[in-house]
Amino acid sequence: MIDLHTHTLFSDGELLPAELVRRAEAIGYEAIALTDHADSSNLDWIVPRIVRVCRDLNRGGKIRAFPGVELTHLPPEMIAPMVKEARGLGARIVVVHGETVVEPVPPGTNREAIEAGADILAHPGLITKEEIARAKEKKVFLEITAREGHSLGNGRVARMAKEIGAPLVLNTDTHSPENLITLDFAMKVVMGAGLEREDLRKMLENAGEILLRLG
């Protein structure tokens, strides 16, 4: 399992980074990204700490931990400069909190995240076909999520992304230990979104492609 969207107690998660990574390793994860929520108030505090802990954790163990961030509920015009700032601070994976069906994310967020070149647009349930086509052009990966609530938009995202040929990736949006999943549960999430086993294989390949970009 490769999971590129998780949270620690640096934002609204329950676990220290070290415990989250260890718990993921214990159930067979190959790689994990720590992507705590950030806006302009805490970006420069969170990212350097995540960078440091990932460096320390990668000195041992089988799992690889990658420092990232999830830019969350920003005014759309702030997304591009904050993607750039996050990368400058050392975030290897930049996730943007998409226009989910269960939170009042500002309209225009999906479009601006895509244009800004975020790595992953998280749970973008209210995305349009035009935005999905643009994500395909920009190589921005659209998330199928295991997260309760946000997953209500999975079917719509999956259907349009398959039709257009846009890249998908499966993540958990983990906030607590029980949110981490096995490959068997990942398959259930995929089937629930109207996808097939081959789609899960492709999504895991896509996650690996994101990691290959990082070198």
N, C-alpha and C. Protein backbone atom coordinates (compact mmCIF):
# COMPACT_ATOMS: atom_id res chain seq x y z
N MET A 1 0.85 -1.19 0.00
CA MET A 1 0.00 0.00 0.00
C MET A 1 0.89 1.24 0.00
N ILE A 2 0.56 2.19 -0.84
CA ILE A 2 1.19 3.51 -0.86
C ILE A 2 0.09 4.52 -0.58
N ASP A 3 0.28 5.32 0.45
CA ASP A 3 -0.75 6.25 0.90
C ASP A 3 -0.15 7.64 0.98
N LEU A 4 -0.63 8.56 0.15
CA LEU A 4 0.00 9.87 0.01
C LEU A 4 -0.85 11.00 0.59
N HIS A 5 -1.71 10.68 1.56
CA HIS A 5 -2.55 11.71 2.19
C HIS A 5 -2.89 11.24 3.59
N THR A 6 -2.13 11.71 4.59
CA THR A 6 -2.39 11.36 5.98
C THR A 6 -2.12 12.57 6.88
N HIS A 7 -2.61 12.48 8.13
CA HIS A 7 -2.49 13.59 9.07
C HIS A 7 -1.97 13.12 10.42
N THR A 8 -1.17 13.95 11.06
CA THR A 8 -0.63 13.67 12.38
C THR A 8 -1.17 14.71 13.36
N LEU A 9 -0.67 14.66 14.61
CA LEU A 9 -1.14 15.66 15.57
C LEU A 9 -0.57 17.06 15.30
N PHE A 10 0.24 17.19 14.23
CA PHE A 10 0.66 18.52 13.83
C PHE A 10 -0.53 19.31 13.23
N SER A 11 -1.61 18.60 12.85
CA SER A 11 -2.84 19.30 12.49
C SER A 11 -3.98 18.64 13.26
N ASP A 12 -4.87 17.90 12.59
CA ASP A 12 -6.00 17.32 13.30
C ASP A 12 -5.96 15.81 13.39
N GLY A 13 -4.78 15.22 13.17
CA GLY A 13 -4.61 13.80 13.38
C GLY A 13 -4.37 13.48 14.85
N GLU A 14 -4.38 12.17 15.17
CA GLU A 14 -4.28 11.74 16.56
C GLU A 14 -2.89 11.28 16.96
N LEU A 15 -2.03 10.97 16.00
CA LEU A 15 -0.76 10.32 16.32
C LEU A 15 0.44 11.19 16.01
N LEU A 16 1.50 10.99 16.79
CA LEU A 16 2.80 11.51 16.41
C LEU A 16 3.20 10.95 15.05
N PRO A 17 3.98 11.67 14.26
CA PRO A 17 4.42 11.12 12.98
C PRO A 17 5.08 9.76 13.10
N ALA A 18 5.94 9.58 14.09
CA ALA A 18 6.65 8.30 14.22
C ALA A 18 5.68 7.14 14.45
N GLU A 19 4.64 7.37 15.27
CA GLU A 19 3.70 6.29 15.52
C GLU A 19 2.83 6.01 14.30
N LEU A 20 2.42 7.05 13.61
CA LEU A 20 1.64 6.84 12.39
C LEU A 20 2.42 6.02 11.37
N VAL A 21 3.68 6.39 11.16
CA VAL A 21 4.50 5.67 10.19
C VAL A 21 4.72 4.23 10.64
N ARG A 22 4.97 4.02 11.92
CA ARG A 22 5.19 2.66 12.41
C ARG A 22 3.93 1.81 12.27
N ARG A 23 2.77 2.38 12.57
CA ARG A 23 1.54 1.61 12.43
C ARG A 23 1.28 1.26 10.96
N ALA A 24 1.60 2.18 10.07
CA ALA A 24 1.45 1.88 8.64
C ALA A 24 2.41 0.77 8.21
N GLU A 25 3.63 0.84 8.68
CA GLU A 25 4.61 -0.20 8.35
C GLU A 25 4.14 -1.56 8.85
N ALA A 26 3.54 -1.59 10.04
CA ALA A 26 3.13 -2.85 10.65
C ALA A 26 2.04 -3.57 9.87
N ILE A 27 1.24 -2.82 9.08
CA ILE A 27 0.19 -3.48 8.29
C ILE A 27 0.57 -3.60 6.81
N GLY A 28 1.86 -3.35 6.51
CA GLY A 28 2.34 -3.66 5.18
C GLY A 28 2.51 -2.51 4.22
N TYR A 29 2.40 -1.27 4.70
CA TYR A 29 2.60 -0.14 3.80
C TYR A 29 4.05 -0.11 3.29
N GLU A 30 4.19 0.28 2.02
CA GLU A 30 5.51 0.48 1.43
C GLU A 30 5.96 1.93 1.57
N ALA A 31 5.02 2.87 1.49
CA ALA A 31 5.35 4.29 1.55
C ALA A 31 4.16 5.07 2.07
N ILE A 32 4.46 6.20 2.71
CA ILE A 32 3.42 7.05 3.27
C ILE A 32 3.88 8.50 3.19
N ALA A 33 2.96 9.40 2.90
CA ALA A 33 3.25 10.83 2.95
C ALA A 33 2.50 11.44 4.12
N LEU A 34 3.19 12.29 4.87
CA LEU A 34 2.60 13.02 5.98
C LEU A 34 2.20 14.40 5.46
N THR A 35 0.90 14.65 5.40
CA THR A 35 0.38 15.84 4.70
C THR A 35 -0.59 16.60 5.59
N ASP A 36 -0.07 17.17 6.65
CA ASP A 36 -0.94 17.88 7.58
C ASP A 36 -1.56 19.11 6.96
N HIS A 37 -2.72 19.48 7.49
CA HIS A 37 -3.45 20.65 7.01
C HIS A 37 -2.65 21.93 7.25
N ALA A 38 -2.65 22.82 6.28
CA ALA A 38 -1.93 24.09 6.45
C ALA A 38 -2.60 25.20 5.67
N ASP A 39 -2.44 26.41 6.20
CA ASP A 39 -2.74 27.64 5.48
C ASP A 39 -1.61 28.61 5.78
N SER A 40 -1.80 29.89 5.57
CA SER A 40 -0.70 30.83 5.77
C SER A 40 -0.32 31.00 7.23
N SER A 41 -1.16 30.53 8.15
CA SER A 41 -0.88 30.69 9.58
C SER A 41 0.14 29.69 10.11
N ASN A 42 0.23 28.52 9.46
CA ASN A 42 1.07 27.47 10.05
C ASN A 42 1.96 26.74 9.07
N LEU A 43 1.93 27.11 7.79
CA LEU A 43 2.71 26.39 6.79
C LEU A 43 4.19 26.33 7.16
N ASP A 44 4.75 27.48 7.58
CA ASP A 44 6.19 27.51 7.86
C ASP A 44 6.55 26.83 9.17
N TRP A 45 5.55 26.48 9.96
CA TRP A 45 5.79 25.73 11.20
C TRP A 45 5.72 24.23 10.94
N ILE A 46 4.70 23.80 10.18
CA ILE A 46 4.47 22.37 9.97
C ILE A 46 5.51 21.73 9.06
N VAL A 47 5.72 22.31 7.88
CA VAL A 47 6.52 21.62 6.88
C VAL A 47 7.94 21.32 7.34
N PRO A 48 8.68 22.26 7.93
CA PRO A 48 10.04 21.91 8.37
C PRO A 48 10.07 20.78 9.39
N ARG A 49 9.07 20.69 10.25
CA ARG A 49 9.02 19.61 11.23
C ARG A 49 8.73 18.27 10.58
N ILE A 50 7.85 18.27 9.60
CA ILE A 50 7.58 17.03 8.88
C ILE A 50 8.80 16.60 8.07
N VAL A 51 9.50 17.56 7.47
CA VAL A 51 10.73 17.24 6.74
C VAL A 51 11.73 16.57 7.67
N ARG A 52 11.89 17.14 8.86
CA ARG A 52 12.87 16.60 9.81
C ARG A 52 12.50 15.19 10.25
N VAL A 53 11.24 14.98 10.63
CA VAL A 53 10.88 13.68 11.14
C VAL A 53 10.94 12.61 10.05
N CYS A 54 10.59 12.96 8.83
CA CYS A 54 10.70 11.98 7.73
C CYS A 54 12.15 11.60 7.49
N ARG A 55 13.03 12.58 7.55
CA ARG A 55 14.46 12.29 7.39
C ARG A 55 14.92 11.32 8.48
N ASP A 56 14.50 11.56 9.72
CA ASP A 56 14.91 10.69 10.82
C ASP A 56 14.33 9.29 10.67
N LEU A 57 13.04 9.20 10.31
CA LEU A 57 12.39 7.89 10.21
C LEU A 57 12.93 7.07 9.05
N ASN A 58 13.40 7.72 8.01
CA ASN A 58 13.90 6.99 6.84
C ASN A 58 15.30 6.42 7.05
N ARG A 59 15.89 6.65 8.21
CA ARG A 59 17.19 6.06 8.50
C ARG A 59 17.09 4.57 8.82
N GLY A 60 15.91 4.11 9.14
CA GLY A 60 15.71 2.69 9.44
C GLY A 60 14.31 2.27 9.07
N GLY A 61 14.06 0.97 9.08
CA GLY A 61 12.74 0.47 8.73
C GLY A 61 12.57 0.26 7.24
N LYS A 62 11.51 -0.43 6.90
CA LYS A 62 11.26 -0.78 5.51
C LYS A 62 10.40 0.26 4.79
N ILE A 63 9.58 0.96 5.52
CA ILE A 63 8.67 1.93 4.92
C ILE A 63 9.41 3.23 4.62
N ARG A 64 8.99 3.92 3.55
CA ARG A 64 9.54 5.24 3.23
C ARG A 64 8.51 6.30 3.57
N ALA A 65 8.95 7.33 4.29
CA ALA A 65 8.07 8.43 4.68
C ALA A 65 8.46 9.68 3.91
N PHE A 66 7.45 10.37 3.36
CA PHE A 66 7.68 11.55 2.54
C PHE A 66 7.01 12.76 3.17
N PRO A 67 7.73 13.88 3.26
CA PRO A 67 7.14 15.09 3.82
C PRO A 67 6.23 15.78 2.81
N GLY A 68 5.05 16.14 3.28
CA GLY A 68 4.12 16.83 2.40
C GLY A 68 3.26 17.79 3.18
N VAL A 69 2.18 18.22 2.56
CA VAL A 69 1.26 19.16 3.18
C VAL A 69 -0.06 19.09 2.44
N GLU A 70 -1.15 19.38 3.15
CA GLU A 70 -2.45 19.55 2.49
C GLU A 70 -2.90 20.99 2.70
N LEU A 71 -2.87 21.77 1.65
CA LEU A 71 -3.35 23.15 1.70
C LEU A 71 -4.87 23.12 1.75
N THR A 72 -5.44 23.77 2.77
CA THR A 72 -6.82 23.50 3.14
C THR A 72 -7.65 24.76 3.28
N HIS A 73 -8.78 24.81 2.57
CA HIS A 73 -9.77 25.89 2.68
C HIS A 73 -9.16 27.27 2.40
N LEU A 74 -8.20 27.34 1.52
CA LEU A 74 -7.60 28.63 1.16
C LEU A 74 -8.51 29.39 0.20
N PRO A 75 -8.48 30.72 0.23
CA PRO A 75 -9.06 31.46 -0.90
C PRO A 75 -8.35 31.01 -2.17
N PRO A 76 -9.09 30.73 -3.23
CA PRO A 76 -8.47 30.16 -4.43
C PRO A 76 -7.26 30.94 -4.95
N GLU A 77 -7.28 32.27 -4.83
CA GLU A 77 -6.15 33.06 -5.35
C GLU A 77 -4.87 32.85 -4.55
N MET A 78 -4.96 32.24 -3.37
CA MET A 78 -3.78 31.98 -2.55
C MET A 78 -3.13 30.64 -2.86
N ILE A 79 -3.82 29.80 -3.62
CA ILE A 79 -3.33 28.42 -3.78
C ILE A 79 -2.00 28.37 -4.51
N ALA A 80 -1.88 29.03 -5.65
CA ALA A 80 -0.64 28.95 -6.43
C ALA A 80 0.57 29.43 -5.63
N PRO A 81 0.53 30.62 -4.99
CA PRO A 81 1.70 31.04 -4.23
C PRO A 81 2.01 30.13 -3.05
N MET A 82 0.98 29.52 -2.46
CA MET A 82 1.26 28.66 -1.32
C MET A 82 1.77 27.28 -1.75
N VAL A 83 1.38 26.81 -2.92
CA VAL A 83 2.00 25.60 -3.47
C VAL A 83 3.49 25.83 -3.64
N LYS A 84 3.83 26.96 -4.20
CA LYS A 84 5.24 27.31 -4.40
C LYS A 84 5.98 27.43 -3.08
N GLU A 85 5.35 28.09 -2.11
CA GLU A 85 6.00 28.26 -0.80
C GLU A 85 6.19 26.92 -0.11
N ALA A 86 5.19 26.04 -0.19
CA ALA A 86 5.30 24.73 0.44
C ALA A 86 6.46 23.94 -0.13
N ARG A 87 6.61 23.99 -1.45
CA ARG A 87 7.73 23.27 -2.08
C ARG A 87 9.06 23.88 -1.62
N GLY A 88 9.10 25.20 -1.51
CA GLY A 88 10.32 25.86 -1.07
C GLY A 88 10.72 25.48 0.35
N LEU A 89 9.73 25.18 1.18
CA LEU A 89 9.99 24.78 2.55
C LEU A 89 10.38 23.31 2.68
N GLY A 90 10.23 22.56 1.59
CA GLY A 90 10.65 21.17 1.60
C GLY A 90 9.56 20.14 1.45
N ALA A 91 8.32 20.57 1.22
CA ALA A 91 7.24 19.61 0.99
C ALA A 91 7.48 18.88 -0.33
N ARG A 92 7.61 17.57 -0.26
CA ARG A 92 7.85 16.80 -1.48
C ARG A 92 6.54 16.50 -2.21
N ILE A 93 5.46 16.41 -1.46
CA ILE A 93 4.14 16.13 -2.04
C ILE A 93 3.17 17.20 -1.56
N VAL A 94 2.58 17.92 -2.50
CA VAL A 94 1.61 18.97 -2.16
C VAL A 94 0.21 18.50 -2.56
N VAL A 95 -0.63 18.37 -1.56
CA VAL A 95 -2.03 18.01 -1.74
C VAL A 95 -2.85 19.28 -1.52
N VAL A 96 -3.89 19.46 -2.29
CA VAL A 96 -4.84 20.55 -2.04
C VAL A 96 -6.19 19.93 -1.70
N HIS A 97 -6.79 20.43 -0.63
CA HIS A 97 -8.10 19.98 -0.17
C HIS A 97 -9.14 20.43 -1.18
N GLY A 98 -9.67 19.45 -1.92
CA GLY A 98 -10.57 19.77 -3.02
C GLY A 98 -11.98 20.11 -2.57
N GLU A 99 -12.83 20.40 -3.55
CA GLU A 99 -14.22 20.78 -3.31
C GLU A 99 -15.06 19.54 -3.03
N THR A 100 -14.88 19.03 -1.83
CA THR A 100 -15.63 17.87 -1.37
C THR A 100 -17.12 18.20 -1.23
N VAL A 101 -17.92 17.15 -1.19
CA VAL A 101 -19.37 17.35 -1.06
C VAL A 101 -19.79 17.62 0.37
N VAL A 102 -18.90 17.49 1.36
CA VAL A 102 -19.31 17.59 2.76
C VAL A 102 -18.69 18.76 3.52
N GLU A 103 -17.94 19.62 2.85
CA GLU A 103 -17.36 20.80 3.51
C GLU A 103 -17.50 22.01 2.59
N PRO A 104 -17.59 23.21 3.17
CA PRO A 104 -17.81 24.42 2.35
C PRO A 104 -16.50 24.97 1.78
N VAL A 105 -15.83 24.18 0.97
CA VAL A 105 -14.59 24.62 0.33
C VAL A 105 -14.92 25.70 -0.70
N PRO A 106 -14.12 26.77 -0.77
CA PRO A 106 -14.45 27.86 -1.70
C PRO A 106 -14.55 27.38 -3.16
N PRO A 107 -15.60 27.77 -3.87
CA PRO A 107 -15.69 27.45 -5.29
C PRO A 107 -14.47 28.00 -6.03
N GLY A 108 -13.99 27.22 -6.99
CA GLY A 108 -12.80 27.61 -7.73
C GLY A 108 -11.54 26.95 -7.22
N THR A 109 -11.64 26.27 -6.06
CA THR A 109 -10.47 25.61 -5.48
C THR A 109 -9.93 24.51 -6.38
N ASN A 110 -10.82 23.67 -6.91
CA ASN A 110 -10.36 22.58 -7.78
C ASN A 110 -9.57 23.12 -8.97
N ARG A 111 -10.12 24.11 -9.63
CA ARG A 111 -9.47 24.69 -10.81
C ARG A 111 -8.10 25.29 -10.45
N GLU A 112 -8.05 26.06 -9.37
CA GLU A 112 -6.79 26.72 -9.01
C GLU A 112 -5.73 25.71 -8.58
N ALA A 113 -6.13 24.66 -7.89
CA ALA A 113 -5.18 23.62 -7.50
C ALA A 113 -4.57 22.95 -8.72
N ILE A 114 -5.40 22.69 -9.70
CA ILE A 114 -4.92 22.06 -10.94
C ILE A 114 -3.96 23.00 -11.66
N GLU A 115 -4.35 24.24 -11.82
CA GLU A 115 -3.51 25.20 -12.53
C GLU A 115 -2.19 25.45 -11.79
N ALA A 116 -2.22 25.33 -10.46
CA ALA A 116 -1.01 25.54 -9.66
C ALA A 116 -0.06 24.36 -9.72
N GLY A 117 -0.52 23.24 -10.27
CA GLY A 117 0.35 22.07 -10.39
C GLY A 117 0.53 21.31 -9.10
N ALA A 118 -0.50 21.29 -8.25
CA ALA A 118 -0.44 20.43 -7.06
C ALA A 118 -0.23 18.99 -7.51
N ASP A 119 0.34 18.19 -6.64
CA ASP A 119 0.54 16.78 -6.98
C ASP A 119 -0.79 16.02 -6.96
N ILE A 120 -1.60 16.28 -5.93
CA ILE A 120 -2.85 15.55 -5.74
C ILE A 120 -3.95 16.54 -5.37
N LEU A 121 -5.10 16.39 -6.02
CA LEU A 121 -6.30 17.13 -5.65
C LEU A 121 -7.16 16.17 -4.84
N ALA A 122 -7.25 16.43 -3.53
CA ALA A 122 -7.92 15.50 -2.62
C ALA A 122 -9.43 15.60 -2.73
N HIS A 123 -10.07 14.43 -2.65
CA HIS A 123 -11.53 14.29 -2.63
C HIS A 123 -12.26 15.44 -3.34
N PRO A 124 -12.07 15.56 -4.66
CA PRO A 124 -12.63 16.71 -5.40
C PRO A 124 -14.03 16.44 -5.93
N GLY A 125 -14.95 16.06 -5.03
CA GLY A 125 -16.25 15.53 -5.46
C GLY A 125 -17.06 16.43 -6.36
N LEU A 126 -16.90 17.76 -6.25
CA LEU A 126 -17.71 18.68 -7.06
C LEU A 126 -16.97 19.14 -8.32
N ILE A 127 -15.97 18.39 -8.72
CA ILE A 127 -15.18 18.74 -9.89
C ILE A 127 -16.02 18.62 -11.17
N THR A 128 -15.69 19.44 -12.17
CA THR A 128 -16.38 19.41 -13.45
C THR A 128 -15.59 18.60 -14.47
N LYS A 129 -16.24 18.25 -15.57
CA LYS A 129 -15.55 17.54 -16.64
C LYS A 129 -14.42 18.37 -17.21
N GLU A 130 -14.64 19.65 -17.34
CA GLU A 130 -13.59 20.52 -17.88
C GLU A 130 -12.37 20.54 -16.97
N GLU A 131 -12.61 20.56 -15.67
CA GLU A 131 -11.50 20.55 -14.72
C GLU A 131 -10.77 19.21 -14.74
N ILE A 132 -11.51 18.14 -14.91
CA ILE A 132 -10.87 16.82 -14.99
C ILE A 132 -10.00 16.74 -16.24
N ALA A 133 -10.48 17.26 -17.35
CA ALA A 133 -9.68 17.28 -18.57
C ALA A 133 -8.40 18.09 -18.37
N ARG A 134 -8.50 19.19 -17.65
CA ARG A 134 -7.32 20.01 -17.37
C ARG A 134 -6.36 19.29 -16.43
N ALA A 135 -6.88 18.55 -15.46
CA ALA A 135 -6.03 17.75 -14.58
C ALA A 135 -5.24 16.72 -15.37
N LYS A 136 -5.89 16.14 -16.37
CA LYS A 136 -5.19 15.19 -17.23
C LYS A 136 -4.04 15.88 -17.95
N GLU A 137 -4.29 17.06 -18.48
CA GLU A 137 -3.24 17.81 -19.20
C GLU A 137 -2.08 18.18 -18.27
N LYS A 138 -2.41 18.55 -17.06
CA LYS A 138 -1.40 19.04 -16.11
C LYS A 138 -0.76 17.92 -15.29
N LYS A 139 -1.23 16.69 -15.47
CA LYS A 139 -0.72 15.55 -14.69
C LYS A 139 -0.92 15.75 -13.20
N VAL A 140 -2.08 16.29 -12.85
CA VAL A 140 -2.48 16.39 -11.45
C VAL A 140 -3.35 15.18 -11.14
N PHE A 141 -3.01 14.45 -10.10
CA PHE A 141 -3.71 13.21 -9.77
C PHE A 141 -4.95 13.52 -8.94
N LEU A 142 -6.07 12.89 -9.31
CA LEU A 142 -7.34 13.07 -8.61
C LEU A 142 -7.52 11.93 -7.62
N GLU A 143 -7.97 12.27 -6.44
CA GLU A 143 -8.02 11.29 -5.36
C GLU A 143 -9.35 10.55 -5.28
N ILE A 144 -9.25 9.23 -5.16
CA ILE A 144 -10.33 8.39 -4.66
C ILE A 144 -10.00 8.14 -3.19
N THR A 145 -10.92 8.46 -2.30
CA THR A 145 -10.59 8.48 -0.89
C THR A 145 -11.33 7.41 -0.09
N ALA A 146 -10.65 6.88 0.92
CA ALA A 146 -11.28 5.96 1.85
C ALA A 146 -11.93 6.69 3.01
N ARG A 147 -11.83 8.02 3.04
CA ARG A 147 -12.30 8.81 4.17
C ARG A 147 -13.82 8.91 4.18
N GLU A 148 -14.42 8.57 5.33
CA GLU A 148 -15.87 8.67 5.48
C GLU A 148 -16.32 10.10 5.20
N GLY A 149 -17.42 10.24 4.52
CA GLY A 149 -17.94 11.56 4.17
C GLY A 149 -17.39 12.02 2.84
N HIS A 150 -16.11 12.26 2.78
CA HIS A 150 -15.48 12.67 1.52
C HIS A 150 -15.69 11.62 0.44
N SER A 151 -15.78 10.34 0.84
CA SER A 151 -15.92 9.26 -0.14
C SER A 151 -17.27 9.30 -0.86
N LEU A 152 -18.19 10.12 -0.39
CA LEU A 152 -19.49 10.22 -1.07
C LEU A 152 -19.34 10.71 -2.51
N GLY A 153 -18.26 11.41 -2.81
CA GLY A 153 -18.04 11.89 -4.16
C GLY A 153 -17.21 10.97 -5.03
N ASN A 154 -16.78 9.83 -4.47
CA ASN A 154 -15.88 8.94 -5.23
C ASN A 154 -16.46 8.47 -6.55
N GLY A 155 -17.71 8.06 -6.53
CA GLY A 155 -18.30 7.50 -7.74
C GLY A 155 -18.32 8.49 -8.88
N ARG A 156 -18.69 9.71 -8.59
CA ARG A 156 -18.74 10.76 -9.62
C ARG A 156 -17.35 11.05 -10.18
N VAL A 157 -16.38 11.19 -9.28
CA VAL A 157 -15.01 11.46 -9.72
C VAL A 157 -14.48 10.29 -10.56
N ALA A 158 -14.71 9.07 -10.08
CA ALA A 158 -14.21 7.89 -10.80
C ALA A 158 -14.82 7.77 -12.18
N ARG A 159 -16.13 7.99 -12.27
CA ARG A 159 -16.81 7.83 -13.56
C ARG A 159 -16.27 8.82 -14.59
N MET A 160 -16.16 10.09 -14.22
CA MET A 160 -15.73 11.10 -15.18
C MET A 160 -14.24 10.96 -15.48
N ALA A 161 -13.44 10.62 -14.47
CA ALA A 161 -12.01 10.46 -14.72
C ALA A 161 -11.74 9.29 -15.67
N LYS A 162 -12.48 8.21 -15.50
CA LYS A 162 -12.32 7.07 -16.42
C LYS A 162 -12.74 7.45 -17.83
N GLU A 163 -13.80 8.18 -17.96
CA GLU A 163 -14.30 8.61 -19.26
C GLU A 163 -13.28 9.50 -19.98
N ILE A 164 -12.63 10.37 -19.23
CA ILE A 164 -11.71 11.35 -19.81
C ILE A 164 -10.27 10.83 -19.86
N GLY A 165 -9.96 9.85 -19.02
CA GLY A 165 -8.61 9.31 -18.98
C GLY A 165 -7.69 10.06 -18.05
N ALA A 166 -8.24 10.71 -17.03
CA ALA A 166 -7.44 11.45 -16.06
C ALA A 166 -6.88 10.49 -15.01
N PRO A 167 -5.71 10.78 -14.47
CA PRO A 167 -5.07 9.85 -13.53
C PRO A 167 -5.69 9.93 -12.14
N LEU A 168 -5.92 8.76 -11.55
CA LEU A 168 -6.48 8.64 -10.21
C LEU A 168 -5.44 8.06 -9.26
N VAL A 169 -5.60 8.37 -7.98
CA VAL A 169 -4.77 7.77 -6.95
C VAL A 169 -5.67 7.50 -5.74
N LEU A 170 -5.41 6.41 -5.04
CA LEU A 170 -6.19 6.03 -3.87
C LEU A 170 -5.44 6.42 -2.60
N ASN A 171 -6.09 7.19 -1.73
CA ASN A 171 -5.51 7.58 -0.44
C ASN A 171 -6.53 7.38 0.68
N THR A 172 -6.03 7.44 1.93
CA THR A 172 -6.93 7.23 3.07
C THR A 172 -7.38 8.52 3.73
N ASP A 173 -6.60 9.60 3.64
CA ASP A 173 -6.89 10.81 4.42
C ASP A 173 -6.94 10.43 5.90
N THR A 174 -5.99 9.64 6.32
CA THR A 174 -5.95 9.13 7.69
C THR A 174 -5.84 10.25 8.71
N HIS A 175 -6.68 10.16 9.77
CA HIS A 175 -6.59 11.04 10.93
C HIS A 175 -6.39 10.25 12.22
N SER A 176 -6.73 8.97 12.22
CA SER A 176 -6.60 8.13 13.40
C SER A 176 -6.13 6.74 12.98
N PRO A 177 -5.63 5.94 13.91
CA PRO A 177 -5.03 4.64 13.54
C PRO A 177 -5.95 3.75 12.71
N GLU A 178 -7.24 3.76 13.06
CA GLU A 178 -8.16 2.86 12.35
C GLU A 178 -8.44 3.30 10.91
N ASN A 179 -7.99 4.49 10.52
CA ASN A 179 -8.18 4.95 9.14
C ASN A 179 -7.19 4.32 8.17
N LEU A 180 -6.07 3.80 8.67
CA LEU A 180 -5.13 3.10 7.80
C LEU A 180 -5.80 1.84 7.27
N ILE A 181 -5.50 1.47 6.04
CA ILE A 181 -6.22 0.36 5.43
C ILE A 181 -5.27 -0.67 4.82
N THR A 182 -5.78 -1.89 4.69
CA THR A 182 -5.08 -2.95 3.98
C THR A 182 -5.46 -2.90 2.50
N LEU A 183 -4.75 -3.67 1.71
CA LEU A 183 -5.09 -3.75 0.29
C LEU A 183 -6.48 -4.35 0.08
N ASP A 184 -6.87 -5.27 0.95
CA ASP A 184 -8.21 -5.86 0.83
C ASP A 184 -9.28 -4.79 1.01
N PHE A 185 -9.10 -3.91 2.00
CA PHE A 185 -10.08 -2.85 2.20
C PHE A 185 -10.01 -1.82 1.08
N ALA A 186 -8.79 -1.58 0.57
CA ALA A 186 -8.64 -0.66 -0.57
C ALA A 186 -9.48 -1.14 -1.75
N MET A 187 -9.50 -2.47 -1.94
CA MET A 187 -10.29 -3.02 -3.04
C MET A 187 -11.78 -2.75 -2.82
N LYS A 188 -12.25 -2.79 -1.58
CA LYS A 188 -13.65 -2.49 -1.30
C LYS A 188 -13.97 -1.03 -1.62
N VAL A 189 -13.04 -0.14 -1.28
CA VAL A 189 -13.25 1.28 -1.58
C VAL A 189 -13.35 1.48 -3.10
N VAL A 190 -12.48 0.81 -3.82
CA VAL A 190 -12.45 0.91 -5.28
C VAL A 190 -13.76 0.38 -5.88
N MET A 191 -14.20 -0.76 -5.41
CA MET A 191 -15.45 -1.33 -5.91
C MET A 191 -16.63 -0.43 -5.57
N GLY A 192 -16.61 0.17 -4.39
CA GLY A 192 -17.67 1.07 -4.00
C GLY A 192 -17.76 2.30 -4.88
N ALA A 193 -16.63 2.66 -5.49
CA ALA A 193 -16.60 3.81 -6.40
C ALA A 193 -16.98 3.41 -7.82
N GLY A 194 -17.32 2.14 -8.03
CA GLY A 194 -17.70 1.68 -9.36
C GLY A 194 -16.53 1.29 -10.22
N LEU A 195 -15.38 1.05 -9.59
CA LEU A 195 -14.17 0.68 -10.33
C LEU A 195 -13.87 -0.80 -10.13
N GLU A 196 -12.81 -1.28 -10.79
CA GLU A 196 -12.47 -2.69 -10.78
C GLU A 196 -11.06 -2.92 -10.24
N ARG A 197 -10.71 -4.18 -10.08
CA ARG A 197 -9.39 -4.54 -9.54
C ARG A 197 -8.26 -3.94 -10.37
N GLU A 198 -8.42 -3.91 -11.68
CA GLU A 198 -7.40 -3.34 -12.55
C GLU A 198 -7.22 -1.84 -12.27
N ASP A 199 -8.30 -1.18 -11.90
CA ASP A 199 -8.20 0.24 -11.57
C ASP A 199 -7.39 0.46 -10.30
N LEU A 200 -7.54 -0.44 -9.32
CA LEU A 200 -6.72 -0.33 -8.11
C LEU A 200 -5.26 -0.51 -8.46
N ARG A 201 -4.96 -1.49 -9.29
CA ARG A 201 -3.57 -1.70 -9.70
C ARG A 201 -3.01 -0.45 -10.35
N LYS A 202 -3.80 0.18 -11.20
CA LYS A 202 -3.34 1.39 -11.88
C LYS A 202 -3.16 2.54 -10.90
N MET A 203 -4.06 2.67 -9.92
CA MET A 203 -3.92 3.74 -8.95
C MET A 203 -2.66 3.57 -8.10
N LEU A 204 -2.33 2.33 -7.76
CA LEU A 204 -1.09 2.09 -7.02
C LEU A 204 0.12 2.39 -7.89
N GLU A 205 0.03 2.09 -9.16
CA GLU A 205 1.10 2.47 -10.09
C GLU A 205 1.23 3.99 -10.16
N ASN A 206 0.11 4.68 -10.18
CA ASN A 206 0.15 6.15 -10.22
C ASN A 206 0.81 6.71 -8.97
N ALA A 207 0.50 6.13 -7.81
CA ALA A 207 1.16 6.59 -6.58
C ALA A 207 2.67 6.37 -6.68
N GLY A 208 3.06 5.23 -7.24
CA GLY A 208 4.49 4.99 -7.45
C GLY A 208 5.10 5.99 -8.41
N GLU A 209 4.33 6.40 -9.41
CA GLU A 209 4.83 7.40 -10.35
C GLU A 209 5.08 8.73 -9.66
N ILE A 210 4.19 9.11 -8.75
CA ILE A 210 4.41 10.34 -7.99
C ILE A 210 5.71 10.24 -7.21
N LEU A 211 5.97 9.10 -6.59
CA LEU A 211 7.20 8.94 -5.83
C LEU A 211 8.43 8.95 -6.73
N LEU A 212 8.30 8.43 -7.93
CA LEU A 212 9.42 8.44 -8.87
C LEU A 212 9.79 9.87 -9.26
N ARG A 213 8.80 10.76 -9.31
CA ARG A 213 9.07 12.17 -9.61
C ARG A 213 10.02 12.77 -8.57
N LEU A 214 9.94 12.21 -7.35
CA LEU A 214 10.72 12.77 -6.25
C LEU A 214 12.17 12.31 -6.26
N GLY A 215 12.43 11.27 -7.03
CA GLY A 215 13.80 10.76 -7.14
C GLY A 215 14.21 9.91 -5.96
